[in-house]
């Protein structure tokens, strides 16, 4: 009796389960059939001029900068500038103790005066010997002196001339020593070697600087009016980059602004670690808004072509920039078709469509993240269709 009841139960349950499964499938199909249209934005593809660019990243550095060091050992007696101060070439920065140098300078000046006196004495002796020589010659003509007297006068005259030459040479050497000491004395006042801004002050009054203290850097001066932008680019782009091309860039430190520079140098070798090339561009920075050390992202304009088919970068799905392939949703009436395309040159907002789409077709630019091939869409008004 129990076995019969179980059999009847199975007989009744199985049809119910099957009926429930069929009902669910019908509901899902009905739901799919009634899926609401997806609101998207789309644009019509047209041919336009394409600017070819190479993406680069790098950092800025001052083209002209210098470390100021003392040229001899000494104790700092005065410091005249601090950090962030603008200086001109020749502006005093610091003073070293020069009392010993002053004493040595006075000695060399005294040596110059003594050498001048020696020259005057030698010249007086030479003039006297020349007069004596002329007198002896006249006496010889009168037969009042011997040939020996003439020889002695001649020798004295030549010796006097030699003493004058020696005295003048000694004077020149003394003057050179004096000028050298004056230069040494002047270097006790440390001056700026260029126009710029003091970015580092590394000295205080009382510090011992120079050879004894390791010749440390006293000041670092930077001229930010002309910057070098050193960037890297993939080596595959090496053939496109030329000296003189324009480089546009931006930095997160100054949002919303774009700056430009000119390519001045391309490294002839490729970095073996990442297969990149180093490029240097010169950037005018008269306003000094940009600073040395900033990280930037930019593009080098390498060429321009007319009549190129381009799609917005926002329309690209599963974009492989290395293989240059992506997918787009093409609007066909009220439905969309997912289509594979080949990409080419890339600019800021657009990518070249080498194949896969045609001029006049419309592609989805916004709202395509949840679309599927064949879905119904509603294109928003004013989206460019």
Protein backbone atom coordinates (compact mmCIF):
# COMPACT_ATOMS: atom_id res chain seq x y z
CA UNK A 1 0.00 0.00 0.00
CA UNK A 2 2.86 2.37 0.87
CA UNK A 3 4.65 1.58 -2.42
CA UNK A 4 1.60 2.52 -4.48
CA UNK A 5 1.27 5.88 -2.74
CA UNK A 6 4.96 6.66 -3.46
CA UNK A 7 4.56 5.82 -7.09
CA UNK A 8 1.52 8.09 -7.38
CA UNK A 9 3.47 10.89 -5.69
CA UNK A 10 6.31 10.65 -8.17
CA UNK A 11 3.85 10.59 -11.01
CA UNK A 12 2.22 13.82 -9.80
CA UNK A 13 5.44 15.71 -8.90
CA UNK A 14 7.40 15.16 -12.14
CA UNK A 15 4.82 16.84 -14.39
CA UNK A 16 4.70 19.75 -11.96
CA UNK A 17 8.48 20.23 -12.06
CA UNK A 18 8.51 20.04 -15.84
CA UNK A 19 5.70 22.56 -16.01
CA UNK A 20 7.58 24.90 -13.66
CA UNK A 21 10.79 24.66 -15.78
CA UNK A 22 8.92 25.44 -18.97
CA UNK A 23 7.26 28.38 -17.30
CA UNK A 24 10.61 29.81 -16.22
CA UNK A 25 12.10 29.42 -19.73
CA UNK A 26 9.09 31.19 -21.20
CA UNK A 27 9.45 34.00 -18.64
CA UNK A 28 13.17 34.44 -19.45
CA UNK A 29 12.43 34.47 -23.17
CA UNK A 30 9.68 36.98 -22.59
CA UNK A 31 12.04 39.10 -20.52
CA UNK A 32 14.66 38.99 -23.27
CA UNK A 33 12.09 39.86 -25.85
CA UNK A 34 10.95 42.79 -23.77
CA UNK A 35 14.43 44.13 -22.81
CA UNK A 36 14.24 47.89 -22.80
CA UNK A 37 16.32 49.90 -25.27
CA UNK A 38 19.66 51.17 -23.92
CA UNK A 39 20.29 54.92 -24.02
CA UNK A 40 23.66 55.67 -25.63
CA UNK A 41 25.61 58.51 -27.17
CA UNK A 42 27.03 58.08 -30.64
CA UNK A 43 28.90 59.98 -33.33
CA UNK A 44 29.07 59.69 -37.10
CA UNK A 45 32.49 58.76 -38.49
CA UNK A 46 33.89 61.25 -41.00
CA UNK A 47 37.24 61.77 -42.68
CA UNK A 48 39.39 64.56 -41.25
CA UNK A 49 42.97 65.72 -40.91
CA UNK A 50 44.95 63.52 -38.54
CA UNK A 51 47.86 64.75 -36.47
CA UNK A 52 50.36 61.98 -35.79
CA UNK A 53 51.90 62.07 -32.32
CA UNK A 54 54.21 60.04 -30.13
CA UNK A 55 53.34 59.75 -26.42
CA UNK A 56 56.24 60.51 -24.06
CA UNK A 57 56.87 60.90 -20.33
CA UNK A 58 59.78 62.57 -18.57
CA UNK A 59 60.94 65.33 -16.26
CA UNK A 60 62.12 68.92 -16.42
CA UNK A 61 65.54 70.17 -15.41
CA UNK A 62 67.15 73.60 -15.57
CA UNK A 63 69.35 73.99 -18.64
CA UNK A 64 71.70 76.25 -16.68
CA UNK A 65 72.49 75.55 -13.03
CA UNK A 66 75.62 75.49 -10.93
CA UNK A 67 77.09 74.55 -7.56
CA UNK A 68 79.03 77.41 -5.98
CA UNK A 69 82.12 76.27 -4.08
CA UNK A 70 84.99 78.22 -2.47
CA UNK A 71 88.29 78.22 -4.32
CA UNK A 72 90.43 78.11 -1.18
CA UNK A 73 90.08 77.30 2.49
CA UNK A 74 88.79 79.92 4.88
CA UNK A 75 86.31 80.84 7.58
CA UNK A 76 82.98 82.39 6.52
CA UNK A 77 82.56 85.86 8.03
CA UNK A 78 79.34 86.95 6.25
CA UNK A 79 76.49 85.39 4.26
CA UNK A 80 74.52 87.85 2.13
CA UNK A 81 71.72 85.75 0.60
CA UNK A 82 69.27 83.05 1.58
CA UNK A 83 67.24 80.50 -0.38
CA UNK A 84 64.69 81.54 -3.05
CA UNK A 85 66.46 84.87 -3.63
CA UNK A 86 67.05 85.99 -7.22
CA UNK A 87 70.65 86.92 -7.98
CA UNK A 88 72.52 88.38 -10.91
CA UNK A 89 75.94 87.41 -12.18
CA UNK A 90 78.47 88.93 -9.79
CA UNK A 91 76.08 89.31 -6.84
CA UNK A 92 77.97 88.80 -3.52
CA UNK A 93 76.89 85.59 -1.81
CA UNK A 94 79.32 85.14 1.09
CA UNK A 95 82.56 86.56 2.48
CA UNK A 96 85.55 84.55 3.70
CA UNK A 97 88.10 85.81 6.22
CA UNK A 98 90.78 87.58 4.15
CA UNK A 99 93.03 89.20 6.76
CA UNK A 100 95.94 86.92 5.92
CA UNK A 101 95.35 87.45 2.21
CA UNK A 102 95.32 91.20 2.74
CA UNK A 103 98.73 91.03 4.42
CA UNK A 104 100.14 88.94 1.57
CA UNK A 105 98.68 91.37 -0.96
CA UNK A 106 100.41 94.29 0.74
CA UNK A 107 103.72 92.42 0.55
CA UNK A 108 103.35 91.82 -3.18
CA UNK A 109 102.42 95.47 -3.72
CA UNK A 110 105.56 96.50 -1.81
CA UNK A 111 107.62 94.12 -3.96
CA UNK A 112 106.25 95.83 -7.07
CA UNK A 113 107.29 99.24 -5.78
CA UNK A 114 110.77 97.95 -4.93
CA UNK A 115 111.08 96.43 -8.41
CA UNK A 116 110.08 99.75 -9.95
CA UNK A 117 112.81 101.50 -7.93
CA UNK A 118 115.34 98.93 -9.13
CA UNK A 119 114.33 99.58 -12.70
CA UNK A 120 114.82 103.33 -12.22
CA UNK A 121 118.25 102.78 -10.68
CA UNK A 122 119.27 100.47 -13.51
CA UNK A 123 118.06 102.98 -16.08
CA UNK A 124 120.07 105.78 -14.41
CA UNK A 125 123.20 103.58 -14.43
CA UNK A 126 122.61 102.71 -18.07
CA UNK A 127 122.26 106.36 -19.05
CA UNK A 128 125.46 107.19 -17.19
CA UNK A 129 127.38 104.37 -18.91
CA UNK A 130 126.10 105.49 -22.30
CA UNK A 131 127.29 109.04 -21.68
CA UNK A 132 130.66 107.73 -20.51
CA UNK A 133 130.94 105.58 -23.62
CA UNK A 134 130.28 108.61 -25.88
CA UNK A 135 132.89 110.65 -23.97
CA UNK A 136 135.52 107.91 -24.31
CA UNK A 137 134.93 107.70 -28.05
CA UNK A 138 135.57 111.42 -28.43
CA UNK A 139 138.72 111.22 -26.30
CA UNK A 140 139.96 108.33 -28.44
CA UNK A 141 139.56 110.41 -31.56
CA UNK A 142 141.77 113.03 -29.89
CA UNK A 143 144.30 110.33 -28.94
CA UNK A 144 143.82 110.88 -25.20
CA UNK A 145 142.67 107.34 -24.25
CA UNK A 146 143.77 103.87 -25.13
CA UNK A 147 141.85 101.06 -26.82
CA UNK A 148 141.54 99.42 -23.41
CA UNK A 149 139.60 102.41 -22.12
CA UNK A 150 137.18 102.10 -25.04
CA UNK A 151 136.68 98.39 -24.36
CA UNK A 152 135.97 99.05 -20.68
CA UNK A 153 133.38 101.72 -21.57
CA UNK A 154 131.74 99.39 -24.06
CA UNK A 155 131.53 96.57 -21.51
CA UNK A 156 130.03 98.87 -18.89
CA UNK A 157 127.43 100.11 -21.35
CA UNK A 158 126.33 96.56 -22.25
CA UNK A 159 126.29 95.49 -18.60
CA UNK A 160 124.09 98.48 -17.69
CA UNK A 161 121.63 97.58 -20.45
CA UNK A 162 121.52 94.00 -19.16
CA UNK A 163 120.86 95.21 -15.62
CA UNK A 164 117.95 97.29 -16.91
CA UNK A 165 116.48 94.22 -18.68
CA UNK A 166 116.85 92.13 -15.50
CA UNK A 167 115.22 94.85 -13.38
CA UNK A 168 112.32 95.14 -15.81
CA UNK A 169 111.87 91.35 -15.81
CA UNK A 170 111.82 91.38 -12.01
CA UNK A 171 109.23 94.14 -12.09
CA UNK A 172 107.02 92.11 -14.45
CA UNK A 173 107.29 89.05 -12.19
CA UNK A 174 106.39 91.15 -9.14
CA UNK A 175 103.41 92.63 -10.96
CA UNK A 176 102.23 89.13 -11.96
CA UNK A 177 102.52 88.00 -8.33
CA UNK A 178 100.56 91.05 -7.26
CA UNK A 179 97.79 90.43 -9.80
CA UNK A 180 97.61 86.79 -8.74
CA UNK A 181 97.29 87.82 -5.11
CA UNK A 182 94.64 90.41 -6.02
CA UNK A 183 92.66 87.68 -7.80
CA UNK A 184 93.07 85.39 -4.80
CA UNK A 185 92.02 88.23 -2.53
CA UNK A 186 88.92 88.98 -4.64
CA UNK A 187 87.85 85.32 -4.49
CA UNK A 188 87.47 85.63 -0.74
CA UNK A 189 84.21 87.36 -1.69
CA UNK A 190 82.12 84.52 -3.16
CA UNK A 191 80.00 85.85 -6.03
CA UNK A 192 77.24 84.36 -8.17
CA UNK A 193 78.66 83.05 -11.47
CA UNK A 194 75.30 83.40 -13.29
CA UNK A 195 71.80 84.88 -13.19
CA UNK A 196 69.26 82.73 -11.39
CA UNK A 197 67.66 81.81 -8.09
CA UNK A 198 69.41 80.46 -5.01
CA UNK A 199 67.79 77.05 -4.59
CA UNK A 200 70.17 75.89 -1.83
CA UNK A 201 72.10 77.69 0.90
CA UNK A 202 74.47 75.31 2.64
CA UNK A 203 76.69 77.65 4.69
CA UNK A 204 76.56 79.80 7.81
CA UNK A 205 78.81 82.38 9.42
CA UNK A 206 81.70 80.67 11.16
CA UNK A 207 81.82 77.61 8.90
CA UNK A 208 85.24 76.48 7.75
CA UNK A 209 85.04 75.88 4.01
CA UNK A 210 87.42 75.00 1.21
CA UNK A 211 90.00 72.26 0.78
CA UNK A 212 90.37 71.68 4.53
CA UNK A 213 86.63 71.04 4.93
CA UNK A 214 86.20 68.96 1.78
CA UNK A 215 85.34 71.86 -0.54
CA UNK A 216 81.60 71.52 0.09
CA UNK A 217 78.88 73.22 -1.95
CA UNK A 218 77.97 76.61 -0.47
CA UNK A 219 75.09 77.52 -2.80
CA UNK A 220 73.15 75.98 -5.67
CA UNK A 221 71.87 78.44 -8.26
CA UNK A 222 69.24 77.56 -10.87
CA UNK A 223 68.07 79.52 -13.91
CA UNK A 224 64.54 78.27 -14.66
CA UNK A 225 63.95 80.56 -17.63
CA UNK A 226 65.21 77.87 -19.98
CA UNK A 227 64.50 74.21 -19.20
CA UNK A 228 65.50 70.87 -20.65
CA UNK A 229 62.69 68.33 -20.87
CA UNK A 230 64.14 64.83 -20.95
CA UNK A 231 61.57 62.22 -22.03
CA UNK A 232 61.52 58.60 -23.14
CA UNK A 233 59.62 57.04 -26.01
CA UNK A 234 59.32 53.46 -27.34
CA UNK A 235 62.16 52.62 -29.71
CA UNK A 236 59.63 51.67 -32.41
CA UNK A 237 58.77 55.39 -32.66
CA UNK A 238 62.40 56.38 -33.21
CA UNK A 239 62.01 56.75 -36.96
CA UNK A 240 59.22 59.33 -36.56
CA UNK A 241 61.00 61.74 -34.20
CA UNK A 242 63.15 64.54 -35.63
CA UNK A 243 65.08 67.46 -34.15
CA UNK A 244 62.95 70.61 -34.34
CA UNK A 245 59.57 68.91 -33.87
CA UNK A 246 57.10 70.39 -31.38
CA UNK A 247 56.55 68.66 -28.04
CA UNK A 248 53.40 69.56 -26.10
CA UNK A 249 53.11 68.49 -22.49
CA UNK A 250 51.26 68.98 -19.21
CA UNK A 251 51.99 68.36 -15.55
CA UNK A 252 49.76 67.52 -12.59
CA UNK A 253 51.42 70.36 -10.67
CA UNK A 254 49.73 72.90 -12.98
CA UNK A 255 46.39 71.32 -14.01
CA UNK A 256 44.56 72.60 -17.04
CA UNK A 257 47.58 74.13 -18.78
CA UNK A 258 49.56 72.89 -21.76
CA UNK A 259 53.14 73.86 -22.52
CA UNK A 260 55.34 73.44 -25.58
CA UNK A 261 58.98 72.84 -26.40
CA UNK A 262 61.24 71.96 -29.34
CA UNK A 263 63.14 68.69 -29.74
CA UNK A 264 66.87 69.49 -29.63
CA UNK A 265 68.54 66.10 -29.09
CA UNK A 266 67.79 62.43 -29.77
CA UNK A 267 69.99 59.86 -28.09
CA UNK A 268 71.65 57.72 -30.78
CA UNK A 269 71.47 54.59 -28.57
CA UNK A 270 68.52 52.62 -27.23
CA UNK A 271 68.15 51.75 -23.56
CA UNK A 272 68.68 47.99 -23.35
CA UNK A 273 66.58 47.65 -20.20
CA UNK A 274 63.24 48.84 -21.62
CA UNK A 275 64.03 49.42 -25.32
CA UNK A 276 63.27 53.12 -25.10
CA UNK A 277 65.01 56.16 -26.56
CA UNK A 278 65.85 59.35 -24.70
CA UNK A 279 64.78 62.66 -26.22
CA UNK A 280 65.62 66.15 -24.97
CA UNK A 281 63.46 69.18 -25.76
CA UNK A 282 64.18 72.82 -24.94
CA UNK A 283 61.37 74.68 -23.15
CA UNK A 284 61.14 78.47 -22.81
CA UNK A 285 59.92 79.38 -19.32
CA UNK A 286 60.13 83.17 -19.13
CA UNK A 287 57.32 83.31 -16.56
CA UNK A 288 59.21 80.70 -14.46
CA UNK A 289 55.89 78.96 -13.83
CA UNK A 290 57.46 75.58 -14.49
CA UNK A 291 60.04 74.27 -12.04
CA UNK A 292 63.02 72.01 -12.38
CA UNK A 293 62.22 68.44 -11.33
CA UNK A 294 58.55 68.33 -12.38
CA UNK A 295 57.24 65.09 -13.93
CA UNK A 296 55.34 65.61 -17.20
CA UNK A 297 53.37 63.72 -19.82
CA UNK A 298 53.38 64.87 -23.39
CA UNK A 299 53.27 64.20 -27.11
CA UNK A 300 55.63 64.93 -29.96
CA UNK A 301 53.89 66.02 -33.16
CA UNK A 302 55.52 63.92 -35.87
CA UNK A 303 53.30 64.64 -38.89
CA UNK A 304 49.88 65.43 -40.33
CA UNK A 305 47.71 63.60 -42.91
CA UNK A 306 44.53 64.66 -44.66
CA UNK A 307 41.39 62.58 -45.21
CA UNK A 308 41.93 60.06 -42.43
CA UNK A 309 39.06 58.05 -40.98
CA UNK A 310 39.06 58.50 -37.19
CA UNK A 311 36.91 57.32 -34.30
CA UNK A 312 36.77 58.75 -30.76
CA UNK A 313 38.97 56.88 -28.31
CA UNK A 314 35.92 56.58 -26.02
CA UNK A 315 34.28 54.32 -28.62
CA UNK A 316 37.03 51.70 -28.47
CA UNK A 317 36.42 48.51 -26.49
CA UNK A 318 39.08 45.94 -25.52
CA UNK A 319 41.66 48.14 -27.18
CA UNK A 320 45.08 46.52 -27.62
CA UNK A 321 47.41 49.43 -28.39
CA UNK A 322 50.36 47.13 -29.12
CA UNK A 323 48.49 44.87 -31.56
CA UNK A 324 46.46 47.87 -32.76
CA UNK A 325 43.07 46.23 -32.62
CA UNK A 326 39.80 47.03 -30.81
CA UNK A 327 36.01 46.57 -30.96
CA UNK A 328 33.30 49.17 -31.51
CA UNK A 329 29.50 49.11 -31.48
CA UNK A 330 28.13 50.30 -34.81
CA UNK A 331 24.56 51.61 -34.75
CA UNK A 332 22.42 49.84 -37.39
CA UNK A 333 18.96 51.38 -37.24
CA UNK A 334 17.67 50.68 -33.73
CA UNK A 335 20.21 47.96 -32.98
CA UNK A 336 23.96 47.76 -32.54
CA UNK A 337 26.55 45.49 -34.10
CA UNK A 338 29.81 44.70 -32.29
CA UNK A 339 32.59 44.95 -34.86
CA UNK A 340 36.36 44.44 -34.74
CA UNK A 341 38.51 47.19 -36.22
CA UNK A 342 42.21 47.89 -36.80
CA UNK A 343 43.63 51.10 -35.34
CA UNK A 344 46.47 53.27 -36.56
CA UNK A 345 47.85 56.62 -35.46
CA UNK A 346 46.51 57.93 -32.15
CA UNK A 347 46.02 61.53 -31.04
CA UNK A 348 44.66 63.05 -27.84
CA UNK A 349 40.98 62.17 -28.38
CA UNK A 350 40.90 60.22 -31.65
CA UNK A 351 42.29 57.02 -33.10
CA UNK A 352 42.70 56.20 -36.77
CA UNK A 353 40.39 53.45 -38.01
CA UNK A 354 42.44 51.55 -40.58
CA UNK A 355 39.74 48.95 -41.27
CA UNK A 356 36.44 47.65 -39.92
CA UNK A 357 34.26 50.75 -40.29
CA UNK A 358 33.36 53.11 -43.12
CA UNK A 359 32.82 56.82 -43.43
CA UNK A 360 29.26 57.80 -42.49
CA UNK A 361 28.71 54.95 -40.05
CA UNK A 362 27.79 55.75 -36.46
CA UNK A 363 29.62 54.32 -33.45
CA UNK A 364 28.63 54.32 -29.78
CA UNK A 365 30.82 56.58 -27.65
CA UNK A 366 29.05 56.38 -24.28
CA UNK A 367 26.85 53.68 -22.76
CA UNK A 368 28.45 50.77 -24.57
CA UNK A 369 29.91 49.10 -21.48
CA UNK A 370 26.72 47.03 -20.88
CA UNK A 371 25.72 46.47 -24.50
CA UNK A 372 25.67 43.17 -26.34
CA UNK A 373 25.69 42.47 -30.03
CA UNK A 374 22.16 42.99 -31.39
CA UNK A 375 20.84 45.04 -28.46
CA UNK A 376 18.29 47.79 -29.12
CA UNK A 377 19.52 51.31 -28.43
CA UNK A 378 18.20 54.83 -28.27
CA UNK A 379 20.74 57.43 -29.37
CA UNK A 380 20.62 60.58 -27.25
CA UNK A 381 19.72 63.75 -29.10
CA UNK A 382 22.66 66.05 -29.88
CA UNK A 383 25.25 63.30 -29.50
CA UNK A 384 26.58 63.81 -33.01
CA UNK A 385 24.64 61.19 -34.99
